[in-house]
Amino acid sequence: MAQPLMPHATASWLVDNTALTFEQIAEFCGLHVLEVQAIADDTAATKLTGRDPVRAHEVTQDEIDKGQADPEYRLKMTKGPEQVRRTKGPRYTPVSKRQDKPDGIAWIIRNHPEISDGAISSLIGTTRTTIAAIRDRTHWNIGNITPKDPVTLGLTTQRELDAAVNKAAKSAGAEPQPTDNRLDGDRAALIEQLRAEREQASRDAELAGDEGTAPKPFFEDPFRR
């Protein structure tokens, strides 16, 4: 069932402005009835500013009137909130990986100078200004930039990188390089190896903990008479 865009704020408004039961509000907003109770009692972590679902065109006043007249009635949403889709702009990169972008850009520039700045921008998800600064060595942090494979850094995939290399080679009139899919198997094997090592480390830690709590074995001193 669709829910309001801001469930808690909507619940706060319904508590303050309608005679709907907590159960009706909880079901409409997709919350637990105890959350609605906390909002009504002002015991929630923060005091919420109410959001009118009628003005937001998420429910009609007629629906609210029906709910107020019949505690068993379940409100129906007029429409769900619009889903925001990212259709333009550079590739999104998680915050934890953004500091790796200059290293990945430098690697492509060094190993595949035939790839255009526009193609690098699409691969890495960065601006042409940043690429030009790294290419011209005028980047503010150029002394700390170390070329690293962007596939290894998780900034792009091997298939996408190969496609960009082949496209650049084709544009330059060179023979395209065959796509190497061997890395996919290597990566899967590496992931499996890391998982096994992590599980083994966990077992070792458990054994170490058990040994730490177990009584120490008695050893007779061979020099004792």
N, C-alpha and C. Protein backbone atom coordinates (compact mmCIF):
# COMPACT_ATOMS: atom_id res chain seq x y z
N MET A 1 0.84 -1.19 0.00
CA MET A 1 0.00 0.00 0.00
C MET A 1 0.88 1.24 0.00
N ALA A 2 0.49 2.24 -0.81
CA ALA A 2 1.25 3.49 -0.86
C ALA A 2 1.14 4.23 0.46
N GLN A 3 2.18 4.97 0.78
CA GLN A 3 2.23 5.72 2.03
C GLN A 3 2.50 7.19 1.74
N PRO A 4 2.13 8.08 2.64
CA PRO A 4 2.43 9.50 2.45
C PRO A 4 3.93 9.73 2.33
N LEU A 5 4.29 10.83 1.70
CA LEU A 5 5.70 11.14 1.50
C LEU A 5 6.42 11.33 2.83
N MET A 6 5.75 11.95 3.81
CA MET A 6 6.32 12.17 5.14
C MET A 6 5.38 11.57 6.17
N PRO A 7 5.50 10.27 6.44
CA PRO A 7 4.54 9.57 7.28
C PRO A 7 4.37 10.15 8.69
N HIS A 8 5.48 10.45 9.35
CA HIS A 8 5.40 10.93 10.73
C HIS A 8 4.77 12.33 10.80
N ALA A 9 5.17 13.20 9.87
CA ALA A 9 4.60 14.54 9.86
C ALA A 9 3.11 14.49 9.50
N THR A 10 2.74 13.59 8.60
CA THR A 10 1.33 13.43 8.24
C THR A 10 0.54 12.90 9.41
N ALA A 11 1.12 11.93 10.13
CA ALA A 11 0.44 11.39 11.31
C ALA A 11 0.24 12.47 12.36
N SER A 12 1.23 13.33 12.53
CA SER A 12 1.11 14.43 13.49
C SER A 12 -0.04 15.36 13.12
N TRP A 13 -0.18 15.66 11.84
CA TRP A 13 -1.27 16.54 11.40
C TRP A 13 -2.62 15.87 11.60
N LEU A 14 -2.73 14.59 11.29
CA LEU A 14 -4.00 13.88 11.45
C LEU A 14 -4.39 13.77 12.91
N VAL A 15 -3.42 13.59 13.79
CA VAL A 15 -3.71 13.53 15.23
C VAL A 15 -4.27 14.86 15.71
N ASP A 16 -3.68 15.97 15.24
CA ASP A 16 -4.07 17.30 15.71
C ASP A 16 -5.34 17.83 15.06
N ASN A 17 -5.68 17.35 13.86
CA ASN A 17 -6.73 17.99 13.09
C ASN A 17 -7.92 17.10 12.73
N THR A 18 -7.88 15.84 13.13
CA THR A 18 -8.99 14.94 12.82
C THR A 18 -9.37 14.13 14.05
N ALA A 19 -10.49 13.41 13.92
CA ALA A 19 -10.94 12.52 14.99
C ALA A 19 -10.70 11.06 14.62
N LEU A 20 -9.78 10.81 13.69
CA LEU A 20 -9.45 9.45 13.29
C LEU A 20 -8.82 8.70 14.46
N THR A 21 -9.03 7.40 14.51
CA THR A 21 -8.41 6.60 15.57
C THR A 21 -6.93 6.43 15.28
N PHE A 22 -6.19 6.07 16.33
CA PHE A 22 -4.76 5.85 16.15
C PHE A 22 -4.51 4.71 15.16
N GLU A 23 -5.37 3.69 15.19
CA GLU A 23 -5.21 2.57 14.27
C GLU A 23 -5.39 3.02 12.82
N GLN A 24 -6.39 3.88 12.57
CA GLN A 24 -6.61 4.39 11.21
C GLN A 24 -5.42 5.20 10.73
N ILE A 25 -4.92 6.06 11.60
CA ILE A 25 -3.78 6.90 11.23
C ILE A 25 -2.54 6.04 11.00
N ALA A 26 -2.33 5.06 11.88
CA ALA A 26 -1.15 4.20 11.76
C ALA A 26 -1.18 3.43 10.43
N GLU A 27 -2.34 2.89 10.06
CA GLU A 27 -2.41 2.13 8.82
C GLU A 27 -2.25 3.03 7.61
N PHE A 28 -2.83 4.22 7.65
CA PHE A 28 -2.72 5.12 6.51
C PHE A 28 -1.29 5.58 6.31
N CYS A 29 -0.58 5.81 7.42
CA CYS A 29 0.78 6.34 7.33
C CYS A 29 1.85 5.25 7.31
N GLY A 30 1.45 4.00 7.47
CA GLY A 30 2.43 2.93 7.47
C GLY A 30 3.27 2.92 8.72
N LEU A 31 2.70 3.29 9.86
CA LEU A 31 3.42 3.34 11.13
C LEU A 31 2.83 2.33 12.09
N HIS A 32 3.54 2.09 13.18
CA HIS A 32 3.00 1.28 14.26
C HIS A 32 2.09 2.16 15.10
N VAL A 33 1.05 1.56 15.65
CA VAL A 33 0.10 2.35 16.43
C VAL A 33 0.78 3.01 17.64
N LEU A 34 1.83 2.38 18.17
CA LEU A 34 2.54 2.98 19.30
C LEU A 34 3.30 4.24 18.89
N GLU A 35 3.74 4.30 17.63
CA GLU A 35 4.39 5.51 17.13
C GLU A 35 3.38 6.66 17.08
N VAL A 36 2.17 6.34 16.62
CA VAL A 36 1.13 7.37 16.58
C VAL A 36 0.79 7.80 18.00
N GLN A 37 0.72 6.84 18.93
CA GLN A 37 0.44 7.17 20.33
C GLN A 37 1.51 8.10 20.89
N ALA A 38 2.78 7.83 20.54
CA ALA A 38 3.88 8.68 21.02
C ALA A 38 3.77 10.09 20.45
N ILE A 39 3.39 10.18 19.16
CA ILE A 39 3.20 11.51 18.55
C ILE A 39 2.08 12.26 19.25
N ALA A 40 0.99 11.56 19.57
CA ALA A 40 -0.15 12.20 20.24
C ALA A 40 0.21 12.64 21.65
N ASP A 41 1.07 11.87 22.31
CA ASP A 41 1.45 12.19 23.69
C ASP A 41 2.66 13.11 23.76
N ASP A 42 3.15 13.54 22.60
CA ASP A 42 4.34 14.39 22.54
C ASP A 42 5.55 13.73 23.19
N THR A 43 5.64 12.42 23.05
CA THR A 43 6.79 11.70 23.61
C THR A 43 7.73 11.23 22.52
N ALA A 44 7.46 11.66 21.28
CA ALA A 44 8.37 11.30 20.19
C ALA A 44 9.70 11.99 20.39
N ALA A 45 10.74 11.50 19.71
CA ALA A 45 12.09 12.05 19.88
C ALA A 45 12.14 13.53 19.57
N THR A 46 11.42 13.96 18.56
CA THR A 46 11.37 15.38 18.20
C THR A 46 9.93 15.77 17.91
N LYS A 47 9.58 16.99 18.19
CA LYS A 47 8.24 17.47 17.88
C LYS A 47 8.16 17.74 16.39
N LEU A 48 7.21 17.08 15.76
CA LEU A 48 7.10 17.17 14.30
C LEU A 48 6.17 18.30 13.89
N THR A 49 6.52 18.92 12.77
CA THR A 49 5.62 19.90 12.16
C THR A 49 4.66 19.13 11.26
N GLY A 50 3.37 19.30 11.51
CA GLY A 50 2.38 18.53 10.78
C GLY A 50 2.39 18.84 9.28
N ARG A 51 2.04 17.84 8.49
CA ARG A 51 1.95 17.99 7.04
C ARG A 51 0.55 17.58 6.61
N ASP A 52 -0.16 18.50 5.99
CA ASP A 52 -1.55 18.29 5.59
C ASP A 52 -1.60 17.39 4.35
N PRO A 53 -2.10 16.15 4.48
CA PRO A 53 -2.16 15.26 3.31
C PRO A 53 -3.24 15.67 2.30
N VAL A 54 -4.21 16.48 2.76
CA VAL A 54 -5.25 16.95 1.84
C VAL A 54 -4.65 17.96 0.87
N ARG A 55 -3.90 18.91 1.39
CA ARG A 55 -3.24 19.90 0.54
C ARG A 55 -2.17 19.26 -0.33
N ALA A 56 -1.62 18.17 0.15
CA ALA A 56 -0.60 17.46 -0.64
C ALA A 56 -1.25 16.54 -1.68
N HIS A 57 -2.58 16.53 -1.71
CA HIS A 57 -3.34 15.71 -2.67
C HIS A 57 -3.06 14.22 -2.51
N GLU A 58 -2.80 13.80 -1.27
CA GLU A 58 -2.57 12.39 -0.99
C GLU A 58 -3.84 11.71 -0.48
N VAL A 59 -4.81 12.50 -0.01
CA VAL A 59 -6.10 11.97 0.45
C VAL A 59 -7.11 13.11 0.35
N THR A 60 -8.37 12.75 0.20
CA THR A 60 -9.42 13.77 0.10
C THR A 60 -10.08 13.99 1.45
N GLN A 61 -10.72 15.11 1.59
CA GLN A 61 -11.44 15.39 2.84
C GLN A 61 -12.60 14.42 3.01
N ASP A 62 -13.20 13.99 1.89
CA ASP A 62 -14.29 13.01 1.96
C ASP A 62 -13.81 11.70 2.59
N GLU A 63 -12.59 11.29 2.25
CA GLU A 63 -12.04 10.08 2.84
C GLU A 63 -11.86 10.24 4.34
N ILE A 64 -11.36 11.40 4.75
CA ILE A 64 -11.19 11.65 6.18
C ILE A 64 -12.53 11.65 6.89
N ASP A 65 -13.56 12.25 6.27
CA ASP A 65 -14.89 12.28 6.87
C ASP A 65 -15.44 10.87 7.03
N LYS A 66 -15.22 10.03 6.02
CA LYS A 66 -15.68 8.64 6.12
C LYS A 66 -14.98 7.93 7.28
N GLY A 67 -13.70 8.19 7.44
CA GLY A 67 -12.95 7.55 8.51
C GLY A 67 -13.41 8.02 9.88
N GLN A 68 -13.72 9.31 9.99
CA GLN A 68 -14.18 9.85 11.27
C GLN A 68 -15.56 9.31 11.64
N ALA A 69 -16.38 9.02 10.62
CA ALA A 69 -17.73 8.50 10.88
C ALA A 69 -17.71 7.02 11.21
N ASP A 70 -16.70 6.29 10.73
CA ASP A 70 -16.64 4.84 10.93
C ASP A 70 -15.22 4.45 11.35
N PRO A 71 -15.01 4.11 12.63
CA PRO A 71 -13.67 3.76 13.10
C PRO A 71 -13.08 2.54 12.40
N GLU A 72 -13.93 1.72 11.76
CA GLU A 72 -13.43 0.53 11.06
C GLU A 72 -13.01 0.83 9.62
N TYR A 73 -13.32 2.04 9.17
CA TYR A 73 -13.01 2.40 7.78
C TYR A 73 -11.52 2.65 7.62
N ARG A 74 -10.97 2.20 6.52
CA ARG A 74 -9.55 2.40 6.24
C ARG A 74 -9.40 3.39 5.09
N LEU A 75 -8.68 4.47 5.36
CA LEU A 75 -8.52 5.53 4.37
C LEU A 75 -7.77 5.04 3.14
N LYS A 76 -8.14 5.55 2.01
CA LYS A 76 -7.48 5.21 0.75
C LYS A 76 -6.78 6.45 0.21
N MET A 77 -5.53 6.27 -0.20
CA MET A 77 -4.76 7.39 -0.73
C MET A 77 -5.25 7.75 -2.12
N THR A 78 -5.23 9.05 -2.42
CA THR A 78 -5.58 9.50 -3.76
C THR A 78 -4.50 9.08 -4.74
N LYS A 79 -3.24 9.28 -4.35
CA LYS A 79 -2.09 8.86 -5.15
C LYS A 79 -0.87 8.84 -4.25
N GLY A 80 0.08 8.02 -4.62
CA GLY A 80 1.31 7.96 -3.86
C GLY A 80 2.22 9.12 -4.24
N PRO A 81 3.23 9.39 -3.43
CA PRO A 81 4.19 10.46 -3.76
C PRO A 81 4.96 10.14 -5.02
N GLU A 82 5.31 11.18 -5.76
CA GLU A 82 6.07 11.00 -7.00
C GLU A 82 7.47 10.48 -6.68
N GLN A 83 7.90 9.47 -7.40
CA GLN A 83 9.24 8.93 -7.22
C GLN A 83 10.24 9.78 -7.99
N VAL A 84 11.28 10.19 -7.30
CA VAL A 84 12.33 11.01 -7.92
C VAL A 84 13.34 10.08 -8.57
N ARG A 85 13.53 10.24 -9.85
CA ARG A 85 14.49 9.40 -10.58
C ARG A 85 15.63 10.26 -11.12
N ARG A 86 16.81 9.75 -10.95
CA ARG A 86 17.99 10.46 -11.43
C ARG A 86 18.22 10.06 -12.88
N THR A 87 17.96 10.98 -13.80
CA THR A 87 18.07 10.67 -15.22
C THR A 87 19.20 11.43 -15.90
N LYS A 88 19.70 12.48 -15.28
CA LYS A 88 20.75 13.26 -15.89
C LYS A 88 21.88 13.48 -14.90
N GLY A 89 22.98 13.97 -15.42
CA GLY A 89 24.11 14.28 -14.56
C GLY A 89 25.10 13.13 -14.52
N PRO A 90 26.25 13.34 -13.88
CA PRO A 90 27.29 12.30 -13.85
C PRO A 90 26.87 11.12 -12.99
N ARG A 91 27.58 10.02 -13.18
CA ARG A 91 27.32 8.81 -12.41
C ARG A 91 27.45 9.10 -10.91
N TYR A 92 26.54 8.54 -10.11
CA TYR A 92 26.61 8.74 -8.67
C TYR A 92 27.68 7.83 -8.08
N THR A 93 28.49 8.38 -7.22
CA THR A 93 29.53 7.62 -6.55
C THR A 93 29.35 7.76 -5.05
N PRO A 94 29.35 6.65 -4.29
CA PRO A 94 29.21 6.74 -2.84
C PRO A 94 30.28 7.64 -2.24
N VAL A 95 29.95 8.28 -1.12
CA VAL A 95 30.87 9.22 -0.48
C VAL A 95 32.19 8.53 -0.13
N SER A 96 32.10 7.26 0.28
CA SER A 96 33.31 6.56 0.71
C SER A 96 34.31 6.36 -0.43
N LYS A 97 33.84 6.44 -1.68
CA LYS A 97 34.72 6.21 -2.82
C LYS A 97 35.11 7.49 -3.56
N ARG A 98 34.52 8.61 -3.19
CA ARG A 98 34.78 9.84 -3.94
C ARG A 98 36.23 10.29 -3.86
N GLN A 99 36.88 10.00 -2.75
CA GLN A 99 38.28 10.41 -2.61
C GLN A 99 39.19 9.60 -3.53
N ASP A 100 38.67 8.48 -4.06
CA ASP A 100 39.47 7.65 -4.96
C ASP A 100 39.37 8.10 -6.42
N LYS A 101 38.46 8.99 -6.72
CA LYS A 101 38.25 9.39 -8.11
C LYS A 101 39.51 9.94 -8.78
N PRO A 102 40.24 10.87 -8.14
CA PRO A 102 41.46 11.39 -8.80
C PRO A 102 42.46 10.29 -9.16
N ASP A 103 42.59 9.27 -8.29
CA ASP A 103 43.51 8.17 -8.57
C ASP A 103 43.05 7.39 -9.79
N GLY A 104 41.73 7.15 -9.89
CA GLY A 104 41.20 6.44 -11.04
C GLY A 104 41.35 7.22 -12.33
N ILE A 105 41.12 8.53 -12.25
CA ILE A 105 41.27 9.39 -13.43
C ILE A 105 42.72 9.38 -13.91
N ALA A 106 43.65 9.50 -12.96
CA ALA A 106 45.07 9.51 -13.31
C ALA A 106 45.49 8.20 -13.97
N TRP A 107 44.92 7.09 -13.52
CA TRP A 107 45.25 5.79 -14.11
C TRP A 107 44.79 5.72 -15.56
N ILE A 108 43.59 6.19 -15.83
CA ILE A 108 43.06 6.16 -17.20
C ILE A 108 43.90 7.08 -18.10
N ILE A 109 44.23 8.26 -17.60
CA ILE A 109 45.01 9.20 -18.41
C ILE A 109 46.38 8.60 -18.75
N ARG A 110 46.97 7.91 -17.78
CA ARG A 110 48.31 7.33 -18.01
C ARG A 110 48.26 6.11 -18.92
N ASN A 111 47.27 5.25 -18.73
CA ASN A 111 47.23 3.99 -19.45
C ASN A 111 46.39 4.03 -20.72
N HIS A 112 45.46 4.96 -20.80
CA HIS A 112 44.59 5.05 -21.98
C HIS A 112 44.40 6.52 -22.35
N PRO A 113 45.48 7.17 -22.80
CA PRO A 113 45.38 8.59 -23.15
C PRO A 113 44.43 8.85 -24.33
N GLU A 114 44.06 7.79 -25.05
CA GLU A 114 43.15 7.98 -26.19
C GLU A 114 41.71 8.21 -25.75
N ILE A 115 41.37 7.89 -24.51
CA ILE A 115 40.00 8.08 -24.03
C ILE A 115 39.76 9.57 -23.78
N SER A 116 38.67 10.08 -24.30
CA SER A 116 38.38 11.51 -24.18
C SER A 116 37.95 11.87 -22.76
N ASP A 117 38.04 13.16 -22.46
CA ASP A 117 37.62 13.63 -21.14
C ASP A 117 36.14 13.35 -20.91
N GLY A 118 35.35 13.47 -21.97
CA GLY A 118 33.92 13.19 -21.83
C GLY A 118 33.66 11.74 -21.45
N ALA A 119 34.41 10.81 -22.07
CA ALA A 119 34.26 9.39 -21.74
C ALA A 119 34.72 9.10 -20.32
N ILE A 120 35.81 9.74 -19.90
CA ILE A 120 36.29 9.56 -18.52
C ILE A 120 35.24 10.08 -17.54
N SER A 121 34.64 11.22 -17.88
CA SER A 121 33.61 11.79 -17.02
C SER A 121 32.45 10.83 -16.84
N SER A 122 32.05 10.15 -17.91
CA SER A 122 30.95 9.19 -17.82
C SER A 122 31.34 7.96 -17.02
N LEU A 123 32.59 7.52 -17.18
CA LEU A 123 33.04 6.33 -16.48
C LEU A 123 33.16 6.54 -14.97
N ILE A 124 33.80 7.64 -14.60
CA ILE A 124 34.15 7.88 -13.20
C ILE A 124 33.07 8.67 -12.48
N GLY A 125 32.31 9.48 -13.23
CA GLY A 125 31.31 10.33 -12.58
C GLY A 125 31.96 11.57 -12.01
N THR A 126 32.65 12.33 -12.85
CA THR A 126 33.34 13.53 -12.40
C THR A 126 33.18 14.62 -13.45
N THR A 127 33.81 15.77 -13.21
CA THR A 127 33.69 16.88 -14.14
C THR A 127 34.91 16.95 -15.06
N ARG A 128 34.70 17.58 -16.20
CA ARG A 128 35.82 17.74 -17.14
C ARG A 128 36.89 18.66 -16.57
N THR A 129 36.47 19.60 -15.72
CA THR A 129 37.45 20.51 -15.10
C THR A 129 38.43 19.74 -14.25
N THR A 130 37.91 18.79 -13.46
CA THR A 130 38.79 17.97 -12.62
C THR A 130 39.72 17.12 -13.47
N ILE A 131 39.19 16.54 -14.55
CA ILE A 131 40.01 15.70 -15.43
C ILE A 131 41.12 16.53 -16.06
N ALA A 132 40.77 17.73 -16.54
CA ALA A 132 41.77 18.59 -17.17
C ALA A 132 42.85 19.00 -16.18
N ALA A 133 42.46 19.25 -14.92
CA ALA A 133 43.44 19.65 -13.91
C ALA A 133 44.41 18.52 -13.62
N ILE A 134 43.91 17.28 -13.61
CA ILE A 134 44.79 16.13 -13.37
C ILE A 134 45.67 15.89 -14.59
N ARG A 135 45.10 16.05 -15.77
CA ARG A 135 45.86 15.84 -17.00
C ARG A 135 46.99 16.88 -17.11
N ASP A 136 46.70 18.13 -16.72
CA ASP A 136 47.69 19.21 -16.80
C ASP A 136 48.55 19.31 -15.55
N ARG A 137 48.26 18.44 -14.57
CA ARG A 137 48.98 18.44 -13.29
C ARG A 137 48.86 19.77 -12.57
N THR A 138 47.68 20.37 -12.65
CA THR A 138 47.41 21.61 -11.92
C THR A 138 46.39 21.37 -10.80
N HIS A 139 46.04 20.12 -10.58
CA HIS A 139 45.08 19.79 -9.53
C HIS A 139 45.66 20.18 -8.17
N TRP A 140 44.81 20.66 -7.29
CA TRP A 140 45.29 21.16 -5.99
C TRP A 140 45.97 20.08 -5.15
N ASN A 141 45.59 18.81 -5.39
CA ASN A 141 46.15 17.72 -4.59
C ASN A 141 47.01 16.79 -5.44
N ILE A 142 47.61 17.34 -6.50
CA ILE A 142 48.31 16.50 -7.46
C ILE A 142 49.45 15.71 -6.82
N GLY A 143 50.06 16.23 -5.78
CA GLY A 143 51.18 15.55 -5.14
C GLY A 143 50.77 14.26 -4.44
N ASN A 144 49.50 14.14 -4.10
CA ASN A 144 49.03 12.96 -3.39
C ASN A 144 48.22 12.01 -4.27
N ILE A 145 48.13 12.31 -5.55
CA ILE A 145 47.35 11.46 -6.46
C ILE A 145 48.23 10.34 -6.99
N THR A 146 47.80 9.11 -6.79
CA THR A 146 48.53 7.92 -7.26
C THR A 146 47.63 7.16 -8.23
N PRO A 147 48.07 6.98 -9.47
CA PRO A 147 47.23 6.25 -10.44
C PRO A 147 46.87 4.85 -9.95
N LYS A 148 45.57 4.58 -9.92
CA LYS A 148 45.09 3.25 -9.50
C LYS A 148 43.96 2.83 -10.44
N ASP A 149 43.90 1.55 -10.69
CA ASP A 149 42.89 0.98 -11.59
C ASP A 149 41.50 1.33 -11.07
N PRO A 150 40.68 2.06 -11.84
CA PRO A 150 39.34 2.44 -11.38
C PRO A 150 38.41 1.24 -11.18
N VAL A 151 38.70 0.13 -11.87
CA VAL A 151 37.88 -1.08 -11.67
C VAL A 151 38.16 -1.65 -10.29
N THR A 152 39.43 -1.71 -9.92
CA THR A 152 39.80 -2.20 -8.59
C THR A 152 39.24 -1.29 -7.50
N LEU A 153 39.20 0.00 -7.77
CA LEU A 153 38.68 0.96 -6.79
C LEU A 153 37.15 0.91 -6.69
N GLY A 154 36.52 0.23 -7.64
CA GLY A 154 35.06 0.14 -7.61
C GLY A 154 34.36 1.34 -8.21
N LEU A 155 35.08 2.14 -9.02
CA LEU A 155 34.50 3.33 -9.63
C LEU A 155 33.79 3.02 -10.94
N THR A 156 34.14 1.91 -11.56
CA THR A 156 33.51 1.49 -12.81
C THR A 156 33.68 0.00 -12.94
N THR A 157 33.14 -0.59 -13.99
CA THR A 157 33.29 -2.02 -14.21
C THR A 157 34.30 -2.27 -15.34
N GLN A 158 34.83 -3.47 -15.38
CA GLN A 158 35.80 -3.81 -16.41
C GLN A 158 35.14 -3.75 -17.79
N ARG A 159 33.89 -4.15 -17.86
CA ARG A 159 33.18 -4.14 -19.14
C ARG A 159 33.00 -2.72 -19.65
N GLU A 160 32.65 -1.80 -18.76
CA GLU A 160 32.47 -0.41 -19.18
C GLU A 160 33.80 0.21 -19.60
N LEU A 161 34.86 -0.12 -18.87
CA LEU A 161 36.18 0.41 -19.23
C LEU A 161 36.62 -0.13 -20.58
N ASP A 162 36.42 -1.43 -20.80
CA ASP A 162 36.78 -2.02 -22.09
C ASP A 162 36.00 -1.38 -23.23
N ALA A 163 34.73 -1.13 -22.98
CA ALA A 163 33.89 -0.51 -24.02
C ALA A 163 34.40 0.89 -24.36
N ALA A 164 34.81 1.65 -23.34
CA ALA A 164 35.33 3.00 -23.57
C ALA A 164 36.66 2.95 -24.33
N VAL A 165 37.51 1.98 -23.99
CA VAL A 165 38.79 1.83 -24.69
C VAL A 165 38.57 1.47 -26.15
N ASN A 166 37.67 0.52 -26.40
CA ASN A 166 37.40 0.11 -27.78
C ASN A 166 36.77 1.23 -28.60
N LYS A 167 35.89 1.99 -27.97
CA LYS A 167 35.26 3.11 -28.67
C LYS A 167 36.29 4.16 -29.04
N ALA A 168 37.20 4.45 -28.09
CA ALA A 168 38.25 5.44 -28.36
C ALA A 168 39.19 4.94 -29.46
N ALA A 169 39.50 3.63 -29.43
CA ALA A 169 40.39 3.05 -30.44
C ALA A 169 39.73 3.09 -31.82
N LYS A 170 38.44 2.82 -31.85
CA LYS A 170 37.71 2.85 -33.12
C LYS A 170 37.69 4.25 -33.69
N SER A 171 37.48 5.24 -32.83
CA SER A 171 37.47 6.63 -33.28
C SER A 171 38.82 7.05 -33.82
N ALA A 172 39.88 6.49 -33.22
CA ALA A 172 41.24 6.83 -33.66
C ALA A 172 41.69 6.00 -34.85
N GLY A 173 40.84 5.05 -35.27
CA GLY A 173 41.18 4.22 -36.42
C GLY A 173 42.05 3.05 -36.09
N ALA A 174 42.22 2.74 -34.79
CA ALA A 174 43.04 1.61 -34.39
C ALA A 174 42.18 0.37 -34.27
N GLU A 175 42.85 -0.78 -34.15
CA GLU A 175 42.14 -2.05 -34.00
C GLU A 175 41.61 -2.17 -32.58
N PRO A 176 40.31 -2.38 -32.39
CA PRO A 176 39.76 -2.52 -31.04
C PRO A 176 40.34 -3.72 -30.33
N GLN A 177 40.54 -3.57 -29.02
CA GLN A 177 41.07 -4.67 -28.22
C GLN A 177 39.92 -5.60 -27.83
N PRO A 178 40.15 -6.91 -27.87
CA PRO A 178 39.10 -7.84 -27.44
C PRO A 178 38.78 -7.66 -25.97
N THR A 179 37.52 -7.82 -25.65
CA THR A 179 37.08 -7.67 -24.26
C THR A 179 37.59 -8.84 -23.44
N ASP A 180 38.24 -8.53 -22.32
CA ASP A 180 38.80 -9.56 -21.45
C ASP A 180 37.83 -9.77 -20.30
N ASN A 181 37.20 -10.95 -20.29
CA ASN A 181 36.24 -11.26 -19.23
C ASN A 181 36.86 -12.09 -18.12
N ARG A 182 38.15 -12.32 -18.19
CA ARG A 182 38.77 -13.16 -17.18
C ARG A 182 38.74 -12.52 -15.80
N LEU A 183 38.75 -11.22 -15.77
CA LEU A 183 38.77 -10.52 -14.48
C LEU A 183 37.52 -10.80 -13.67
N ASP A 184 36.39 -11.05 -14.37
CA ASP A 184 35.15 -11.33 -13.64
C ASP A 184 35.31 -12.58 -12.80
N GLY A 185 35.92 -13.62 -13.37
CA GLY A 185 36.14 -14.84 -12.59
C GLY A 185 37.14 -14.63 -11.48
N ASP A 186 38.19 -13.85 -11.76
CA ASP A 186 39.19 -13.56 -10.72
C ASP A 186 38.55 -12.81 -9.55
N ARG A 187 37.69 -11.85 -9.88
CA ARG A 187 37.06 -11.08 -8.83
C ARG A 187 36.15 -11.96 -7.98
N ALA A 188 35.41 -12.85 -8.63
CA ALA A 188 34.54 -13.76 -7.89
C ALA A 188 35.35 -14.66 -6.97
N ALA A 189 36.49 -15.14 -7.49
CA ALA A 189 37.36 -16.00 -6.68
C ALA A 189 37.94 -15.22 -5.50
N LEU A 190 38.30 -13.96 -5.75
CA LEU A 190 38.85 -13.14 -4.67
C LEU A 190 37.81 -12.89 -3.59
N ILE A 191 36.59 -12.61 -4.01
CA ILE A 191 35.51 -12.39 -3.04
C ILE A 191 35.29 -13.64 -2.20
N GLU A 192 35.30 -14.81 -2.88
CA GLU A 192 35.11 -16.07 -2.17
C GLU A 192 36.25 -16.31 -1.18
N GLN A 193 37.47 -15.98 -1.60
CA GLN A 193 38.62 -16.16 -0.72
C GLN A 193 38.52 -15.26 0.50
N LEU A 194 38.16 -13.99 0.27
CA LEU A 194 38.03 -13.06 1.39
C LEU A 194 36.94 -13.50 2.35
N ARG A 195 35.83 -14.03 1.79
CA ARG A 195 34.75 -14.50 2.65
C ARG A 195 35.22 -15.67 3.51
N ALA A 196 35.96 -16.59 2.90
CA ALA A 196 36.47 -17.74 3.65
C ALA A 196 37.44 -17.30 4.74
N GLU A 197 38.31 -16.33 4.42
CA GLU A 197 39.25 -15.83 5.42
C GLU A 197 38.53 -15.14 6.56
N ARG A 198 37.46 -14.41 6.23
CA ARG A 198 36.71 -13.73 7.28
C ARG A 198 36.01 -14.73 8.19
N GLU A 199 35.46 -15.79 7.60
CA GLU A 199 34.80 -16.82 8.41
C GLU A 199 35.81 -17.55 9.28
N GLN A 200 37.00 -17.83 8.72
CA GLN A 200 38.05 -18.50 9.49
C GLN A 200 38.51 -17.63 10.65
N ALA A 201 38.65 -16.31 10.38
CA ALA A 201 39.06 -15.39 11.45
C ALA A 201 38.02 -15.36 12.56
N SER A 202 36.75 -15.42 12.17
CA SER A 202 35.69 -15.42 13.18
C SER A 202 35.74 -16.68 14.03
N ARG A 203 35.98 -17.84 13.36
CA ARG A 203 36.10 -19.09 14.11
C ARG A 203 37.31 -19.08 15.04
N ASP A 204 38.42 -18.54 14.55
CA ASP A 204 39.63 -18.46 15.38
C ASP A 204 39.39 -17.59 16.61
N ALA A 205 38.65 -16.48 16.40
CA ALA A 205 38.37 -15.59 17.52
C ALA A 205 37.50 -16.28 18.55
N GLU A 206 36.51 -17.08 18.09
CA GLU A 206 35.66 -17.81 19.02
C GLU A 206 36.46 -18.85 19.80
N LEU A 207 37.36 -19.55 19.08
CA LEU A 207 38.18 -20.55 19.76
C LEU A 207 39.10 -19.90 20.78
N ALA A 208 39.65 -18.74 20.41
CA ALA A 208 40.54 -18.03 21.34
C ALA A 208 39.78 -17.60 22.59
N GLY A 209 38.53 -17.19 22.39
CA GLY A 209 37.72 -16.80 23.54
C GLY A 209 37.41 -17.98 24.43
N ASP A 210 37.13 -19.15 23.83
CA ASP A 210 36.85 -20.34 24.62
C ASP A 210 38.08 -20.78 25.39
N GLU A 211 39.25 -20.71 24.75
CA GLU A 211 40.48 -21.11 25.42
C GLU A 211 40.82 -20.18 26.57
N GLY A 212 40.44 -18.89 26.40
CA GLY A 212 40.73 -17.93 27.45
C GLY A 212 39.92 -18.17 28.70
N THR A 213 38.74 -18.78 28.55
CA THR A 213 37.88 -19.01 29.72
C THR A 213 38.06 -20.41 30.28
N ALA A 214 38.69 -21.33 29.54
CA ALA A 214 38.87 -22.71 30.00
C ALA A 214 40.02 -22.76 30.99
N PRO A 215 39.96 -23.71 31.96
CA PRO A 215 41.06 -23.83 32.92
C PRO A 215 42.34 -24.28 32.23
N LYS A 216 43.45 -23.77 32.70
CA LYS A 216 44.73 -24.10 32.10
C LYS A 216 45.13 -25.53 32.48
N PRO A 217 45.65 -26.30 31.53
CA PRO A 217 46.06 -27.68 31.84
C PRO A 217 47.25 -27.68 32.79
N PHE A 218 47.32 -28.75 33.60
CA PHE A 218 48.41 -28.86 34.56
C PHE A 218 49.57 -29.60 33.92
N PHE A 219 50.76 -29.02 34.00
CA PHE A 219 51.97 -29.66 33.49
C PHE A 219 52.94 -29.84 34.66
N GLU A 220 53.41 -31.04 34.77
CA GLU A 220 54.35 -31.31 35.86
C GLU A 220 55.73 -30.79 35.50
N ASP A 221 56.38 -30.14 36.43
CA ASP A 221 57.72 -29.61 36.23
C ASP A 221 58.70 -30.78 36.18
N PRO A 222 59.39 -30.95 35.05
CA PRO A 222 60.32 -32.10 34.96
C PRO A 222 61.50 -31.99 35.89
N PHE A 223 61.80 -30.78 36.41
CA PHE A 223 62.95 -30.59 37.30
C PHE A 223 62.55 -30.67 38.76
N ARG A 224 61.24 -30.90 38.97
CA ARG A 224 60.75 -30.94 40.34
C ARG A 224 61.06 -32.32 40.93
N ARG A 225 61.58 -32.38 42.12
CA ARG A 225 61.90 -33.68 42.77
C ARG A 225 61.05 -33.83 44.01
